Amino acid sequence: MKNKLLLILVASMASIAVYANKPVALDVHTSPEAVSTVATSNSSEMRRVTYKTVKVDGLDIFYREAGSRANPTVLLLHGFPTSSRMYRNLMPMLAERYHVVAPDYPGFGNSSAPAVDKFEYTFENITNLIDKFTQELKLDRYSIYLQDYGGPVGFRLAVKHPERVQALVVQNGNAYEEGLREFWNPIKAYWKDRTDENAKPIKKIFELDGTKWQYTNGVRDIANLNPDAWLLDQYLLDRPGNKDIQLQLFYSYGSNPPLYPEWQAYFRKHQPPMLIVWGKNDFIFPPEGAEPYKRDLKKVEFHLLNTGHFALEEDCDVIAGHMNKFLDKKVKRSGGGRMSAK
């Protein structure tokens, strides 16, 4: 009975201390088992992911959130054709030391998906919405993880607000012409001549075979992958009107390469701390697009991983390990939850 009361008392003290952002003061006679129970409980709570929605310009923007807001924020920006769900395994691995936030863009995941005649799906508009999203959540400083579509959204955001960006984690996100190789040839043709005929090879990407290929191409072992990932993505792609949304965004992607020089100038001027974790077998964004970052950044931590486009599906634990070590070195913690880059 005494042991049970002791555990209740210790757990209560821990809960009060966490709420007040104060350390837990344990009696010298507290058993190791009781301390372990409290630590495990607190750790589990920190790793817990919550699911929320906020209004931005009249649209519902869904997001996942984990970790204490007193810790540095990491903004996770997803790629095509997925959503914040791509970060489902990474978030708990970061949340004990970082406040992690992963939104769904409009037209993706659980966010609003207005028809193309109601909302213009461009990377500029998505960036502006995500910018307002961060302001709505009062995120004044953050590191950005960017993958695929997260590249043009994240780099636009960084150029717009360099003072807010503490670090960049680039995972198969392109900022150089060298990274646009064979995969992009039919898409470039569509940029030049926006016809139904030129749209045909792009529309094939929106079918199940194309979605599955993005996940499975270049991986070490397909048995490492949960097929729910591409099946759920395909379910969302198959919603009425969604393929029109995606086609509009594929066309809008043509607005990104002309901005590469501006993004590269940002790298050279501001020298943001950068971690590159790149699936080297990616056919969409091959490693030829990863190497040029070294030209513009004096100090970049660089890792090529033996996997494909969605590297988190096969190497989430590896990427989380690199991120925790990198951010611990590069992002300074200070009182009141206000952070600054080192």
C-alpha atoms as a PDB file:
ATOM      1  CA  MET A   1       0.000   0.000   0.000  1.00  0.00           C
ATOM      2  CA  LYS A   2       2.831   2.385   0.908  1.00  0.00           C
ATOM      3  CA  ASN A   3       4.529   1.724  -2.421  1.00  0.00           C
ATOM      4  CA  LYS A   4       1.314   2.518  -4.321  1.00  0.00           C
ATOM      5  CA  LEU A   5       0.858   5.782  -2.405  1.00  0.00           C
ATOM      6  CA  LEU A   6       4.488   6.668  -3.066  1.00  0.00           C
ATOM      7  CA  LEU A   7       4.058   6.087  -6.801  1.00  0.00           C
ATOM      8  CA  ILE A   8       0.914   8.259  -6.834  1.00  0.00           C
ATOM      9  CA  LEU A   9       2.708  11.036  -4.947  1.00  0.00           C
ATOM     10  CA  VAL A  10       5.740  10.936  -7.240  1.00  0.00           C
ATOM     11  CA  ALA A  11       3.582  10.922 -10.370  1.00  0.00           C
ATOM     12  CA  SER A  12       1.568  13.877  -9.039  1.00  0.00           C
ATOM     13  CA  MET A  13       4.743  15.835  -8.293  1.00  0.00           C
ATOM     14  CA  ALA A  14       6.025  15.120 -11.795  1.00  0.00           C
ATOM     15  CA  SER A  15       2.793  16.245 -13.432  1.00  0.00           C
ATOM     16  CA  ILE A  16       2.740  19.509 -11.470  1.00  0.00           C
ATOM     17  CA  ALA A  17       6.388  20.182 -12.227  1.00  0.00           C
ATOM     18  CA  VAL A  18       5.992  19.507 -15.942  1.00  0.00           C
ATOM     19  CA  TYR A  19       2.975  21.813 -16.064  1.00  0.00           C
ATOM     20  CA  ALA A  20       4.974  24.569 -14.375  1.00  0.00           C
ATOM     21  CA  ASN A  21       8.105  23.851 -16.455  1.00  0.00           C
ATOM     22  CA  LYS A  22      10.020  23.121 -13.257  1.00  0.00           C
ATOM     23  CA  PRO A  23      12.270  20.150 -12.420  1.00  0.00           C
ATOM     24  CA  VAL A  24      10.873  17.309 -10.359  1.00  0.00           C
ATOM     25  CA  ALA A  25      12.219  17.198  -6.815  1.00  0.00           C
ATOM     26  CA  LEU A  26      12.210  13.587  -5.651  1.00  0.00           C
ATOM     27  CA  ASP A  27      12.774  12.467  -2.103  1.00  0.00           C
ATOM     28  CA  VAL A  28      16.139  10.830  -1.543  1.00  0.00           C
ATOM     29  CA  HIS A  29      14.341   7.684  -0.466  1.00  0.00           C
ATOM     30  CA  THR A  30      12.301   7.373  -3.683  1.00  0.00           C
ATOM     31  CA  SER A  31      12.827   3.949  -5.175  1.00  0.00           C
ATOM     32  CA  PRO A  32      14.541   3.571  -8.574  1.00  0.00           C
ATOM     33  CA  GLU A  33      11.391   1.834  -9.797  1.00  0.00           C
ATOM     34  CA  ALA A  34       9.275   4.892  -8.944  1.00  0.00           C
ATOM     35  CA  VAL A  35      11.711   7.261 -10.651  1.00  0.00           C
ATOM     36  CA  SER A  36      11.708   5.031 -13.722  1.00  0.00           C
ATOM     37  CA  THR A  37       7.901   4.993 -13.786  1.00  0.00           C
ATOM     38  CA  VAL A  38       7.736   8.812 -13.705  1.00  0.00           C
ATOM     39  CA  ALA A  39      10.419   9.162 -16.382  1.00  0.00           C
ATOM     40  CA  THR A  40       8.661   6.687 -18.644  1.00  0.00           C
ATOM     41  CA  SER A  41       5.319   8.451 -18.168  1.00  0.00           C
ATOM     42  CA  ASN A  42       6.791  11.875 -18.958  1.00  0.00           C
ATOM     43  CA  SER A  43       8.666  10.504 -21.971  1.00  0.00           C
ATOM     44  CA  SER A  44       5.525   8.886 -23.371  1.00  0.00           C
ATOM     45  CA  GLU A  45       3.575  12.114 -22.963  1.00  0.00           C
ATOM     46  CA  MET A  46       6.263  14.107 -24.785  1.00  0.00           C
ATOM     47  CA  ARG A  47       6.247  11.636 -27.682  1.00  0.00           C
ATOM     48  CA  ARG A  48       2.473  11.674 -28.027  1.00  0.00           C
ATOM     49  CA  VAL A  49       1.314  13.137 -31.350  1.00  0.00           C
ATOM     50  CA  THR A  50      -1.859  15.239 -31.385  1.00  0.00           C
ATOM     51  CA  TYR A  51      -4.038  16.064 -34.399  1.00  0.00           C
ATOM     52  CA  LYS A  52      -5.426  19.559 -34.862  1.00  0.00           C
ATOM     53  CA  THR A  53      -6.934  21.946 -37.397  1.00  0.00           C
ATOM     54  CA  VAL A  54      -6.615  25.725 -37.690  1.00  0.00           C
ATOM     55  CA  LYS A  55      -8.324  28.207 -40.019  1.00  0.00           C
ATOM     56  CA  VAL A  56      -6.007  30.032 -42.427  1.00  0.00           C
ATOM     57  CA  ASP A  57      -7.568  32.339 -45.019  1.00  0.00           C
ATOM     58  CA  GLY A  58     -10.841  30.475 -44.620  1.00  0.00           C
ATOM     59  CA  LEU A  59      -9.264  27.049 -45.230  1.00  0.00           C
ATOM     60  CA  ASP A  60      -8.933  24.251 -42.692  1.00  0.00           C
ATOM     61  CA  ILE A  61      -5.242  23.458 -42.326  1.00  0.00           C
ATOM     62  CA  PHE A  62      -4.723  20.156 -40.541  1.00  0.00           C
ATOM     63  CA  TYR A  63      -1.521  19.520 -38.628  1.00  0.00           C
ATOM     64  CA  ARG A  64       0.195  17.045 -36.341  1.00  0.00           C
ATOM     65  CA  GLU A  65       2.011  18.308 -33.268  1.00  0.00           C
ATOM     66  CA  ALA A  66       4.204  16.745 -30.602  1.00  0.00           C
ATOM     67  CA  GLY A  67       6.632  17.869 -27.917  1.00  0.00           C
ATOM     68  CA  SER A  68       6.767  20.860 -25.603  1.00  0.00           C
ATOM     69  CA  ARG A  69       6.450  24.381 -27.006  1.00  0.00           C
ATOM     70  CA  ALA A  70       9.205  25.353 -24.575  1.00  0.00           C
ATOM     71  CA  ASN A  71      11.625  23.471 -26.838  1.00  0.00           C
ATOM     72  CA  PRO A  72      12.910  24.573 -30.275  1.00  0.00           C
ATOM     73  CA  THR A  73      10.393  24.061 -33.066  1.00  0.00           C
ATOM     74  CA  VAL A  74      10.955  21.855 -36.104  1.00  0.00           C
ATOM     75  CA  LEU A  75       8.562  22.501 -39.001  1.00  0.00           C
ATOM     76  CA  LEU A  76       8.096  19.383 -41.151  1.00  0.00           C
ATOM     77  CA  LEU A  77       7.073  20.075 -44.762  1.00  0.00           C
ATOM     78  CA  HIS A  78       5.848  17.095 -46.778  1.00  0.00           C
ATOM     79  CA  GLY A  79       6.157  16.114 -50.414  1.00  0.00           C
ATOM     80  CA  PHE A  80       3.909  14.787 -53.187  1.00  0.00           C
ATOM     81  CA  PRO A  81       1.623  12.829 -53.110  1.00  0.00           C
ATOM     82  CA  THR A  82       1.669  12.361 -49.374  1.00  0.00           C
ATOM     83  CA  SER A  83       0.865  14.516 -46.331  1.00  0.00           C
ATOM     84  CA  SER A  84       1.985  15.090 -42.758  1.00  0.00           C
ATOM     85  CA  ARG A  85       1.471  11.346 -42.384  1.00  0.00           C
ATOM     86  CA  MET A  86       4.946  10.842 -43.885  1.00  0.00           C
ATOM     87  CA  TYR A  87       6.294  12.128 -40.549  1.00  0.00           C
ATOM     88  CA  ARG A  88       4.221   9.786 -38.362  1.00  0.00           C
ATOM     89  CA  ASN A  89       7.274   7.776 -37.251  1.00  0.00           C
ATOM     90  CA  LEU A  90       9.784  10.637 -37.131  1.00  0.00           C
ATOM     91  CA  MET A  91       7.792  12.935 -34.856  1.00  0.00           C
ATOM     92  CA  PRO A  92       7.929  10.766 -31.702  1.00  0.00           C
ATOM     93  CA  MET A  93      11.683  10.313 -32.233  1.00  0.00           C
ATOM     94  CA  LEU A  94      12.224  14.087 -32.099  1.00  0.00           C
ATOM     95  CA  ALA A  95       9.535  15.128 -29.645  1.00  0.00           C
ATOM     96  CA  GLU A  96      11.391  14.525 -26.389  1.00  0.00           C
ATOM     97  CA  ARG A  97      13.800  17.360 -27.241  1.00  0.00           C
ATOM     98  CA  TYR A  98      11.914  19.365 -29.872  1.00  0.00           C
ATOM     99  CA  HIS A  99       8.508  20.836 -30.566  1.00  0.00           C
ATOM    100  CA  VAL A 100       7.536  19.302 -33.910  1.00  0.00           C
ATOM    101  CA  VAL A 101       4.767  20.540 -36.197  1.00  0.00           C
ATOM    102  CA  ALA A 102       3.721  18.967 -39.516  1.00  0.00           C
ATOM    103  CA  PRO A 103       0.948  20.631 -41.564  1.00  0.00           C
ATOM    104  CA  ASP A 104      -0.949  19.296 -44.571  1.00  0.00           C
ATOM    105  CA  TYR A 105      -0.959  21.675 -47.542  1.00  0.00           C
ATOM    106  CA  PRO A 106      -4.348  22.567 -49.027  1.00  0.00           C
ATOM    107  CA  GLY A 107      -5.333  19.769 -51.391  1.00  0.00           C
ATOM    108  CA  PHE A 108      -3.403  17.188 -49.350  1.00  0.00           C
ATOM    109  CA  GLY A 109      -4.153  14.943 -46.403  1.00  0.00           C
ATOM    110  CA  ASN A 110      -6.852  16.258 -44.076  1.00  0.00           C
ATOM    111  CA  SER A 111      -6.652  19.934 -45.048  1.00  0.00           C
ATOM    112  CA  SER A 112      -9.283  21.678 -47.152  1.00  0.00           C
ATOM    113  CA  ALA A 113      -9.135  20.850 -50.852  1.00  0.00           C
ATOM    114  CA  PRO A 114     -11.092  23.504 -52.741  1.00  0.00           C
ATOM    115  CA  ALA A 115     -11.560  22.948 -56.467  1.00  0.00           C
ATOM    116  CA  VAL A 116      -9.044  24.509 -58.845  1.00  0.00           C
ATOM    117  CA  ASP A 117     -11.569  27.179 -59.843  1.00  0.00           C
ATOM    118  CA  LYS A 118     -11.913  28.196 -56.173  1.00  0.00           C
ATOM    119  CA  PHE A 119      -8.229  28.241 -55.203  1.00  0.00           C
ATOM    120  CA  GLU A 120      -5.129  28.655 -57.354  1.00  0.00           C
ATOM    121  CA  TYR A 121      -2.728  25.854 -56.477  1.00  0.00           C
ATOM    122  CA  THR A 122       0.712  27.394 -56.854  1.00  0.00           C
ATOM    123  CA  PHE A 123       3.815  27.018 -54.734  1.00  0.00           C
ATOM    124  CA  GLU A 124       3.695  30.727 -54.010  1.00  0.00           C
ATOM    125  CA  ASN A 125       0.154  30.463 -52.633  1.00  0.00           C
ATOM    126  CA  ILE A 126       0.951  27.354 -50.598  1.00  0.00           C
ATOM    127  CA  THR A 127       4.019  29.074 -49.136  1.00  0.00           C
ATOM    128  CA  ASN A 128       1.942  32.101 -48.169  1.00  0.00           C
ATOM    129  CA  LEU A 129      -0.593  29.837 -46.453  1.00  0.00           C
ATOM    130  CA  ILE A 130       2.102  27.955 -44.540  1.00  0.00           C
ATOM    131  CA  ASP A 131       3.657  31.301 -43.569  1.00  0.00           C
ATOM    132  CA  LYS A 132       0.297  32.418 -42.147  1.00  0.00           C
ATOM    133  CA  PHE A 133      -0.086  29.005 -40.519  1.00  0.00           C
ATOM    134  CA  THR A 134       3.193  29.493 -38.619  1.00  0.00           C
ATOM    135  CA  GLN A 135       2.037  32.940 -37.533  1.00  0.00           C
ATOM    136  CA  GLU A 136      -1.323  31.555 -36.389  1.00  0.00           C
ATOM    137  CA  LEU A 137       0.568  29.059 -34.212  1.00  0.00           C
ATOM    138  CA  LYS A 138       2.954  31.837 -33.074  1.00  0.00           C
ATOM    139  CA  LEU A 139       6.039  30.023 -34.378  1.00  0.00           C
ATOM    140  CA  ASP A 140       8.562  32.850 -34.575  1.00  0.00           C
ATOM    141  CA  ARG A 141      11.681  30.655 -34.843  1.00  0.00           C
ATOM    142  CA  TYR A 142      11.995  27.191 -36.332  1.00  0.00           C
ATOM    143  CA  SER A 143      14.132  24.669 -38.145  1.00  0.00           C
ATOM    144  CA  ILE A 144      12.650  23.274 -41.358  1.00  0.00           C
ATOM    145  CA  TYR A 145      12.678  19.682 -42.607  1.00  0.00           C
ATOM    146  CA  LEU A 146      11.898  19.770 -46.314  1.00  0.00           C
ATOM    147  CA  GLN A 147      11.350  16.900 -48.721  1.00  0.00           C
ATOM    148  CA  ASP A 148      10.216  17.001 -52.367  1.00  0.00           C
ATOM    149  CA  TYR A 149       7.468  19.694 -52.501  1.00  0.00           C
ATOM    150  CA  GLY A 150       8.688  20.802 -49.093  1.00  0.00           C
ATOM    151  CA  GLY A 151      11.772  22.139 -50.909  1.00  0.00           C
ATOM    152  CA  PRO A 152      10.118  24.969 -52.861  1.00  0.00           C
ATOM    153  CA  VAL A 153       7.787  25.746 -49.948  1.00  0.00           C
ATOM    154  CA  GLY A 154      10.562  25.705 -47.345  1.00  0.00           C
ATOM    155  CA  PHE A 155      13.118  27.631 -49.402  1.00  0.00           C
ATOM    156  CA  ARG A 156      10.558  30.311 -50.277  1.00  0.00           C
ATOM    157  CA  LEU A 157       9.757  30.581 -46.578  1.00  0.00           C
ATOM    158  CA  ALA A 158      13.451  30.832 -45.661  1.00  0.00           C
ATOM    159  CA  VAL A 159      14.140  33.568 -48.226  1.00  0.00           C
ATOM    160  CA  LYS A 160      11.070  35.463 -47.029  1.00  0.00           C
ATOM    161  CA  HIS A 161      11.970  35.185 -43.331  1.00  0.00           C
ATOM    162  CA  PRO A 162      15.681  34.372 -42.933  1.00  0.00           C
ATOM    163  CA  GLU A 163      15.584  35.651 -39.355  1.00  0.00           C
ATOM    164  CA  ARG A 164      13.143  32.898 -38.384  1.00  0.00           C
ATOM    165  CA  VAL A 165      15.097  29.943 -39.736  1.00  0.00           C
ATOM    166  CA  GLN A 166      17.432  28.263 -37.271  1.00  0.00           C
ATOM    167  CA  ALA A 167      18.463  25.295 -39.413  1.00  0.00           C
ATOM    168  CA  LEU A 168      17.503  23.355 -42.540  1.00  0.00           C
ATOM    169  CA  VAL A 169      17.218  19.593 -42.927  1.00  0.00           C
ATOM    170  CA  VAL A 170      17.100  18.725 -46.628  1.00  0.00           C
ATOM    171  CA  GLN A 171      15.863  15.268 -47.616  1.00  0.00           C
ATOM    172  CA  ASN A 172      15.584  14.866 -51.387  1.00  0.00           C
ATOM    173  CA  GLY A 173      14.543  18.478 -51.833  1.00  0.00           C
ATOM    174  CA  ASN A 174      15.976  20.243 -54.877  1.00  0.00           C
ATOM    175  CA  ALA A 175      17.493  23.719 -55.330  1.00  0.00           C
ATOM    176  CA  TYR A 176      19.836  23.152 -58.307  1.00  0.00           C
ATOM    177  CA  GLU A 177      19.452  22.533 -62.030  1.00  0.00           C
ATOM    178  CA  GLU A 178      21.733  19.503 -61.663  1.00  0.00           C
ATOM    179  CA  GLY A 179      18.923  17.786 -59.749  1.00  0.00           C
ATOM    180  CA  LEU A 180      16.381  17.945 -62.585  1.00  0.00           C
ATOM    181  CA  ARG A 181      17.289  14.931 -64.702  1.00  0.00           C
ATOM    182  CA  GLU A 182      15.448  12.336 -66.844  1.00  0.00           C
ATOM    183  CA  PHE A 183      12.329  12.102 -64.679  1.00  0.00           C
ATOM    184  CA  TRP A 184      11.603  15.764 -65.352  1.00  0.00           C
ATOM    185  CA  ASN A 185      11.777  15.737 -69.159  1.00  0.00           C
ATOM    186  CA  PRO A 186       8.035  15.165 -69.809  1.00  0.00           C
ATOM    187  CA  ILE A 187       7.185  17.625 -67.050  1.00  0.00           C
ATOM    188  CA  LYS A 188       9.417  20.282 -68.613  1.00  0.00           C
ATOM    189  CA  ALA A 189       7.560  19.724 -71.895  1.00  0.00           C
ATOM    190  CA  TYR A 190       4.313  20.470 -70.047  1.00  0.00           C
ATOM    191  CA  TRP A 191       5.793  23.661 -68.610  1.00  0.00           C
ATOM    192  CA  LYS A 192       6.632  24.837 -72.125  1.00  0.00           C
ATOM    193  CA  ASP A 193       3.356  23.784 -73.754  1.00  0.00           C
ATOM    194  CA  ARG A 194       0.396  23.223 -71.420  1.00  0.00           C
ATOM    195  CA  THR A 195      -1.640  20.884 -73.622  1.00  0.00           C
ATOM    196  CA  ASP A 196      -3.752  17.823 -72.856  1.00  0.00           C
ATOM    197  CA  GLU A 197      -1.307  15.732 -74.873  1.00  0.00           C
ATOM    198  CA  ASN A 198       1.663  16.859 -72.775  1.00  0.00           C
ATOM    199  CA  ALA A 199      -0.355  16.245 -69.615  1.00  0.00           C
ATOM    200  CA  LYS A 200      -0.870  12.534 -70.389  1.00  0.00           C
ATOM    201  CA  PRO A 201       2.492  11.227 -69.048  1.00  0.00           C
ATOM    202  CA  ILE A 202       2.060  13.334 -65.913  1.00  0.00           C
ATOM    203  CA  LYS A 203      -1.408  11.949 -65.229  1.00  0.00           C
ATOM    204  CA  LYS A 204       0.065   8.430 -65.189  1.00  0.00           C
ATOM    205  CA  ILE A 205       2.013   9.467 -62.084  1.00  0.00           C
ATOM    206  CA  PHE A 206      -1.324  10.003 -60.313  1.00  0.00           C
ATOM    207  CA  GLU A 207      -2.372   6.355 -60.706  1.00  0.00           C
ATOM    208  CA  LEU A 208      -1.634   3.580 -58.206  1.00  0.00           C
ATOM    209  CA  ASP A 209       1.328   2.189 -60.140  1.00  0.00           C
ATOM    210  CA  GLY A 210       2.927   5.640 -60.169  1.00  0.00           C
ATOM    211  CA  THR A 211       2.292   6.232 -56.479  1.00  0.00           C
ATOM    212  CA  LYS A 212       3.649   2.825 -55.466  1.00  0.00           C
ATOM    213  CA  TRP A 213       6.713   3.330 -57.696  1.00  0.00           C
ATOM    214  CA  GLN A 214       7.615   6.541 -55.859  1.00  0.00           C
ATOM    215  CA  TYR A 215       7.790   4.583 -52.612  1.00  0.00           C
ATOM    216  CA  THR A 216       9.427   1.392 -53.841  1.00  0.00           C
ATOM    217  CA  ASN A 217      11.932   2.568 -56.461  1.00  0.00           C
ATOM    218  CA  GLY A 218      15.455   2.536 -55.066  1.00  0.00           C
ATOM    219  CA  VAL A 219      14.738   0.927 -51.697  1.00  0.00           C
ATOM    220  CA  ARG A 220      16.957  -1.801 -50.277  1.00  0.00           C
ATOM    221  CA  ASP A 221      14.085  -4.171 -49.528  1.00  0.00           C
ATOM    222  CA  ILE A 222      10.404  -3.619 -50.309  1.00  0.00           C
ATOM    223  CA  ALA A 223       9.611  -5.755 -47.259  1.00  0.00           C
ATOM    224  CA  ASN A 224      10.759  -2.784 -45.154  1.00  0.00           C
ATOM    225  CA  LEU A 225       7.845  -0.701 -46.453  1.00  0.00           C
ATOM    226  CA  ASN A 226       4.290  -0.564 -45.156  1.00  0.00           C
ATOM    227  CA  PRO A 227       1.990  -0.625 -48.217  1.00  0.00           C
ATOM    228  CA  ASP A 228      -0.548   1.461 -46.294  1.00  0.00           C
ATOM    229  CA  ALA A 229       1.581   4.475 -47.249  1.00  0.00           C
ATOM    230  CA  TRP A 230       0.933   4.373 -50.982  1.00  0.00           C
ATOM    231  CA  LEU A 231      -2.576   2.942 -50.663  1.00  0.00           C
ATOM    232  CA  LEU A 232      -3.662   5.827 -48.428  1.00  0.00           C
ATOM    233  CA  ASP A 233      -1.968   8.377 -50.689  1.00  0.00           C
ATOM    234  CA  GLN A 234      -3.790   6.877 -53.660  1.00  0.00           C
ATOM    235  CA  TYR A 235      -7.110   6.989 -51.836  1.00  0.00           C
ATOM    236  CA  LEU A 236      -6.634  10.732 -51.331  1.00  0.00           C
ATOM    237  CA  LEU A 237      -5.464  11.251 -54.917  1.00  0.00           C
ATOM    238  CA  ASP A 238      -8.616   9.519 -56.142  1.00  0.00           C
ATOM    239  CA  ARG A 239     -10.921  12.015 -54.422  1.00  0.00           C
ATOM    240  CA  PRO A 240     -13.073  13.960 -56.911  1.00  0.00           C
ATOM    241  CA  GLY A 241     -11.103  16.861 -58.353  1.00  0.00           C
ATOM    242  CA  ASN A 242      -7.835  16.028 -56.630  1.00  0.00           C
ATOM    243  CA  LYS A 243      -5.953  15.013 -59.758  1.00  0.00           C
ATOM    244  CA  ASP A 244      -6.813  18.413 -61.243  1.00  0.00           C
ATOM    245  CA  ILE A 245      -5.218  19.947 -58.152  1.00  0.00           C
ATOM    246  CA  GLN A 246      -2.080  17.867 -58.576  1.00  0.00           C
ATOM    247  CA  LEU A 247      -1.802  18.657 -62.285  1.00  0.00           C
ATOM    248  CA  GLN A 248      -2.006  22.369 -61.494  1.00  0.00           C
ATOM    249  CA  LEU A 249       0.817  21.968 -58.986  1.00  0.00           C
ATOM    250  CA  PHE A 250       2.963  20.021 -61.448  1.00  0.00           C
ATOM    251  CA  TYR A 251       2.601  22.974 -63.804  1.00  0.00           C
ATOM    252  CA  SER A 252       3.372  25.417 -60.994  1.00  0.00           C
ATOM    253  CA  TYR A 253       6.569  23.503 -60.227  1.00  0.00           C
ATOM    254  CA  GLY A 254       7.939  25.213 -63.324  1.00  0.00           C
ATOM    255  CA  SER A 255       8.047  28.424 -61.272  1.00  0.00           C
ATOM    256  CA  ASN A 256      10.704  26.926 -58.989  1.00  0.00           C
ATOM    257  CA  PRO A 257      13.841  26.540 -61.172  1.00  0.00           C
ATOM    258  CA  PRO A 258      13.905  30.295 -62.003  1.00  0.00           C
ATOM    259  CA  LEU A 259      14.135  30.903 -58.245  1.00  0.00           C
ATOM    260  CA  TYR A 260      17.119  28.578 -57.740  1.00  0.00           C
ATOM    261  CA  PRO A 261      19.660  31.451 -58.043  1.00  0.00           C
ATOM    262  CA  GLU A 262      17.758  33.386 -55.357  1.00  0.00           C
ATOM    263  CA  TRP A 263      17.711  30.389 -53.032  1.00  0.00           C
ATOM    264  CA  GLN A 264      21.404  29.766 -53.628  1.00  0.00           C
ATOM    265  CA  ALA A 265      22.161  33.425 -52.873  1.00  0.00           C
ATOM    266  CA  TYR A 266      20.290  32.962 -49.584  1.00  0.00           C
ATOM    267  CA  PHE A 267      22.511  29.965 -48.765  1.00  0.00           C
ATOM    268  CA  ARG A 268      25.682  31.940 -49.482  1.00  0.00           C
ATOM    269  CA  LYS A 269      24.630  35.050 -47.591  1.00  0.00           C
ATOM    270  CA  HIS A 270      23.000  33.565 -44.503  1.00  0.00           C
ATOM    271  CA  GLN A 271      24.866  30.236 -44.271  1.00  0.00           C
ATOM    272  CA  PRO A 272      22.003  28.475 -42.460  1.00  0.00           C
ATOM    273  CA  PRO A 273      23.082  25.336 -40.614  1.00  0.00           C
ATOM    274  CA  MET A 274      22.159  22.514 -42.993  1.00  0.00           C
ATOM    275  CA  LEU A 275      21.864  18.763 -42.622  1.00  0.00           C
ATOM    276  CA  ILE A 276      21.452  16.773 -45.834  1.00  0.00           C
ATOM    277  CA  VAL A 277      20.000  13.258 -45.506  1.00  0.00           C
ATOM    278  CA  TRP A 278      19.376  12.106 -49.061  1.00  0.00           C
ATOM    279  CA  GLY A 279      18.117   8.831 -50.478  1.00  0.00           C
ATOM    280  CA  LYS A 280      20.839   8.276 -53.069  1.00  0.00           C
ATOM    281  CA  ASN A 281      18.765   5.860 -55.190  1.00  0.00           C
ATOM    282  CA  ASP A 282      16.015   8.417 -55.837  1.00  0.00           C
ATOM    283  CA  PHE A 283      15.184   8.700 -59.555  1.00  0.00           C
ATOM    284  CA  ILE A 284      13.035  11.823 -59.033  1.00  0.00           C
ATOM    285  CA  PHE A 285      15.654  13.850 -57.158  1.00  0.00           C
ATOM    286  CA  PRO A 286      18.949  11.978 -57.655  1.00  0.00           C
ATOM    287  CA  PRO A 287      22.114  12.696 -55.653  1.00  0.00           C
ATOM    288  CA  GLU A 288      23.359  14.988 -58.432  1.00  0.00           C
ATOM    289  CA  GLY A 289      20.991  17.501 -56.847  1.00  0.00           C
ATOM    290  CA  ALA A 290      22.446  16.978 -53.374  1.00  0.00           C
ATOM    291  CA  GLU A 291      26.122  17.600 -54.129  1.00  0.00           C
ATOM    292  CA  PRO A 292      25.806  21.279 -55.264  1.00  0.00           C
ATOM    293  CA  TYR A 293      24.705  22.415 -51.804  1.00  0.00           C
ATOM    294  CA  LYS A 294      28.361  22.027 -50.829  1.00  0.00           C
ATOM    295  CA  ARG A 295      29.260  24.843 -53.256  1.00  0.00           C
ATOM    296  CA  ASP A 296      27.185  27.431 -51.443  1.00  0.00           C
ATOM    297  CA  LEU A 297      27.366  26.345 -47.815  1.00  0.00           C
ATOM    298  CA  LYS A 298      30.663  26.439 -45.965  1.00  0.00           C
ATOM    299  CA  LYS A 299      29.584  23.872 -43.409  1.00  0.00           C
ATOM    300  CA  VAL A 300      26.995  21.321 -44.390  1.00  0.00           C
ATOM    301  CA  GLU A 301      26.565  17.921 -42.756  1.00  0.00           C
ATOM    302  CA  PHE A 302      26.087  15.498 -45.635  1.00  0.00           C
ATOM    303  CA  HIS A 303      24.734  11.936 -45.620  1.00  0.00           C
ATOM    304  CA  LEU A 304      23.757   9.839 -48.639  1.00  0.00           C
ATOM    305  CA  LEU A 305      21.509   6.965 -47.597  1.00  0.00           C
ATOM    306  CA  ASN A 306      21.072   3.681 -49.443  1.00  0.00           C
ATOM    307  CA  THR A 307      17.366   4.146 -50.106  1.00  0.00           C
ATOM    308  CA  GLY A 308      14.909   5.966 -52.354  1.00  0.00           C
ATOM    309  CA  HIS A 309      12.686   9.043 -52.565  1.00  0.00           C
ATOM    310  CA  PHE A 310      10.759   8.557 -49.319  1.00  0.00           C
ATOM    311  CA  ALA A 311      13.815   7.839 -47.202  1.00  0.00           C
ATOM    312  CA  LEU A 312      11.871   8.000 -43.931  1.00  0.00           C
ATOM    313  CA  GLU A 313       9.971   4.849 -44.878  1.00  0.00           C
ATOM    314  CA  GLU A 314      13.152   2.783 -44.713  1.00  0.00           C
ATOM    315  CA  ASP A 315      15.615   4.849 -42.651  1.00  0.00           C
ATOM    316  CA  CYS A 316      13.542   6.854 -40.183  1.00  0.00           C
ATOM    317  CA  ASP A 317      15.654   5.826 -37.199  1.00  0.00           C
ATOM    318  CA  VAL A 318      18.878   6.755 -39.009  1.00  0.00           C
ATOM    319  CA  ILE A 319      17.530  10.160 -40.039  1.00  0.00           C
ATOM    320  CA  ALA A 320      16.169  10.832 -36.548  1.00  0.00           C
ATOM    321  CA  GLY A 321      19.583  10.036 -35.079  1.00  0.00           C
ATOM    322  CA  HIS A 322      21.329  12.436 -37.451  1.00  0.00           C
ATOM    323  CA  MET A 323      18.725  15.126 -36.767  1.00  0.00           C
ATOM    324  CA  ASN A 324      18.869  14.949 -32.993  1.00  0.00           C
ATOM    325  CA  LYS A 325      22.669  15.178 -32.979  1.00  0.00           C
ATOM    326  CA  PHE A 326      22.742  17.941 -35.597  1.00  0.00           C
ATOM    327  CA  LEU A 327      20.045  20.103 -34.002  1.00  0.00           C
ATOM    328  CA  ASP A 328      21.548  19.636 -30.540  1.00  0.00           C
ATOM    329  CA  LYS A 329      24.783  21.116 -31.925  1.00  0.00           C
ATOM    330  CA  LYS A 330      23.290  23.865 -34.077  1.00  0.00           C
ATOM    331  CA  VAL A 331      20.195  25.127 -32.270  1.00  0.00           C
ATOM    332  CA  LYS A 332      20.792  26.785 -28.936  1.00  0.00           C
ATOM    333  CA  ARG A 333      18.270  26.587 -26.112  1.00  0.00           C
ATOM    334  CA  SER A 334      17.536  29.600 -23.931  1.00  0.00           C
ATOM    335  CA  GLY A 335      15.019  30.576 -21.279  1.00  0.00           C
ATOM    336  CA  GLY A 336      11.341  31.025 -21.981  1.00  0.00           C
ATOM    337  CA  GLY A 337      11.356  28.836 -25.045  1.00  0.00           C
ATOM    338  CA  ARG A 338      13.114  31.448 -27.217  1.00  0.00           C
ATOM    339  CA  MET A 339      15.851  29.927 -29.357  1.00  0.00           C
ATOM    340  CA  SER A 340      18.623  31.162 -31.568  1.00  0.00           C
ATOM    341  CA  ALA A 341      20.962  29.565 -34.085  1.00  0.00           C
ATOM    342  CA  LYS A 342      24.482  28.939 -32.831  1.00  0.00           C
END
